């Protein structure tokens, strides 16, 4: 089963219910080598609807002492596709990462992608698996 690491809205119950049709069960984890950042929301309709001017994001910096706290969820392939559709309007790309726990997971980052990372590739050189 794929794993999905969330540091933002996919941790919210209302977002999970509307995106996946169920509440996800997850565990706390950390994303090393990244730091929290913000991305301006360019679509004024989204700004008006949400009351927010920025999306939460993470930025790759490669530092071992940098970590982003979040939750890792096990999801189905169909739920991963639903998450892709949810994140697409914000211009997020899904990349593979290795979490502090050693688990491999997918995470969404704002495009452009971190240096040297292509969609579906891994910052740590591994693709997510159920290891």
Protein backbone atom coordinates (compact mmCIF):
# COMPACT_ATOMS: atom_id res chain seq x y z
CA UNK A 1 0.00 0.00 0.00
CA UNK A 2 1.39 3.45 -0.85
CA UNK A 3 2.26 5.87 1.93
CA UNK A 4 1.47 9.56 1.82
CA UNK A 5 3.17 12.12 4.07
CA UNK A 6 1.14 15.24 4.83
CA UNK A 7 2.37 18.41 6.51
CA UNK A 8 -0.78 20.43 5.73
CA UNK A 9 -4.41 20.24 4.74
CA UNK A 10 -4.54 16.49 4.02
CA UNK A 11 -4.28 16.02 7.80
CA UNK A 12 -7.64 17.78 8.29
CA UNK A 13 -10.71 15.58 8.84
CA UNK A 14 -12.95 17.63 6.52
CA UNK A 15 -10.40 17.50 3.70
CA UNK A 16 -9.94 13.75 4.12
CA UNK A 17 -13.69 13.13 4.05
CA UNK A 18 -14.19 15.23 0.91
CA UNK A 19 -11.09 13.86 -0.86
CA UNK A 20 -11.09 10.19 0.18
CA UNK A 21 -14.60 9.61 1.55
CA UNK A 22 -13.16 8.41 4.85
CA UNK A 23 -10.90 9.46 7.70
CA UNK A 24 -7.33 8.24 7.28
CA UNK A 25 -5.39 6.56 10.07
CA UNK A 26 -1.81 7.73 10.31
CA UNK A 27 1.20 8.18 12.53
CA UNK A 28 3.39 11.17 13.27
CA UNK A 29 6.64 11.33 11.34
CA UNK A 30 9.14 13.88 10.07
CA UNK A 31 10.49 14.83 6.65
CA UNK A 32 14.25 15.41 6.96
CA UNK A 33 16.15 17.75 4.65
CA UNK A 34 13.18 20.06 4.13
CA UNK A 35 11.89 23.19 5.83
CA UNK A 36 8.40 24.73 5.97
CA UNK A 37 7.66 27.48 3.47
CA UNK A 38 4.73 29.31 1.92
CA UNK A 39 3.60 29.66 -1.70
CA UNK A 40 1.43 32.61 -2.76
CA UNK A 41 -2.04 31.65 -4.02
CA UNK A 42 -2.42 33.25 -7.43
CA UNK A 43 -6.08 32.33 -8.04
CA UNK A 44 -8.12 35.10 -6.46
CA UNK A 45 -11.21 32.85 -6.35
CA UNK A 46 -9.28 30.44 -4.13
CA UNK A 47 -8.15 33.35 -1.94
CA UNK A 48 -11.77 34.54 -1.64
CA UNK A 49 -13.10 31.04 -0.93
CA UNK A 50 -10.47 30.05 1.64
CA UNK A 51 -9.53 33.39 3.15
CA UNK A 52 -5.88 32.40 2.71
CA UNK A 53 -3.25 34.14 0.61
CA UNK A 54 -0.64 31.34 0.76
CA UNK A 55 -0.46 27.54 0.54
CA UNK A 56 1.69 25.62 3.02
CA UNK A 57 4.70 24.11 1.31
CA UNK A 58 8.05 22.53 2.06
CA UNK A 59 11.37 23.47 0.52
CA UNK A 60 14.24 21.02 0.08
CA UNK A 61 17.46 22.30 1.67
CA UNK A 62 19.33 19.00 2.18
CA UNK A 63 20.26 19.79 5.77
CA UNK A 64 20.05 16.88 8.21
CA UNK A 65 19.01 19.23 11.02
CA UNK A 66 15.97 20.50 9.03
CA UNK A 67 12.73 18.60 9.48
CA UNK A 68 9.07 19.12 8.74
CA UNK A 69 6.61 17.53 11.16
CA UNK A 70 3.56 15.81 9.74
CA UNK A 71 1.62 12.57 9.46
CA UNK A 72 2.22 9.53 7.27
CA UNK A 73 -0.86 7.68 6.02
CA UNK A 74 -1.29 4.37 4.23
CA UNK A 75 -3.59 4.96 1.25
CA UNK A 76 -4.86 2.95 -1.69
CA UNK A 77 -3.74 3.64 -5.25
CA UNK A 78 -7.17 5.20 -5.91
CA UNK A 79 -6.78 7.47 -2.86
CA UNK A 80 -3.33 8.52 -4.06
CA UNK A 81 -4.91 9.50 -7.39
CA UNK A 82 -7.60 11.43 -5.47
CA UNK A 83 -4.84 13.27 -3.58
CA UNK A 84 -3.20 14.10 -6.93
CA UNK A 85 -6.47 15.68 -8.09
CA UNK A 86 -6.79 17.59 -4.80
CA UNK A 87 -3.25 19.01 -5.03
CA UNK A 88 -3.22 19.70 -8.80
CA UNK A 89 -4.98 23.11 -8.68
CA UNK A 90 -2.23 24.35 -6.34
CA UNK A 91 0.43 23.24 -8.86
CA UNK A 92 1.94 20.67 -6.50
CA UNK A 93 4.07 17.75 -7.66
CA UNK A 94 4.22 14.39 -5.90
CA UNK A 95 7.76 13.21 -5.10
CA UNK A 96 9.15 10.18 -3.30
CA UNK A 97 10.97 10.69 -0.01
CA UNK A 98 12.38 8.75 2.91
CA UNK A 99 10.98 9.88 6.25
CA UNK A 100 12.84 10.10 9.57
CA UNK A 101 11.29 6.76 10.56
CA UNK A 102 12.89 5.14 7.49
CA UNK A 103 9.51 4.70 5.81
CA UNK A 104 9.28 5.56 2.13
CA UNK A 105 6.38 7.83 1.20
CA UNK A 106 5.03 10.28 -1.33
CA UNK A 107 4.84 13.98 -0.47
CA UNK A 108 3.53 17.00 -2.37
CA UNK A 109 5.77 20.00 -3.02
CA UNK A 110 5.07 23.12 -4.96
CA UNK A 111 6.42 23.17 -8.50
CA UNK A 112 9.03 23.94 -9.61
CA UNK A 113 10.42 20.77 -8.09
CA UNK A 114 13.45 20.77 -5.77
CA UNK A 115 16.78 20.86 -7.64
CA UNK A 116 17.54 17.53 -9.30
CA UNK A 117 14.12 16.05 -8.53
CA UNK A 118 11.73 14.91 -11.21
CA UNK A 119 8.13 13.80 -10.71
CA UNK A 120 8.06 10.28 -9.31
CA UNK A 121 11.75 10.43 -8.38
CA UNK A 122 13.15 10.38 -4.90
CA UNK A 123 15.27 12.86 -3.04
CA UNK A 124 16.77 9.89 -1.19
CA UNK A 125 17.09 7.70 -4.29
CA UNK A 126 14.33 5.26 -3.34
CA UNK A 127 10.77 5.02 -4.50
CA UNK A 128 8.07 4.59 -1.86
CA UNK A 129 7.22 1.04 -1.03
CA UNK A 130 5.55 -0.82 1.76
CA UNK A 131 8.91 -1.49 3.43
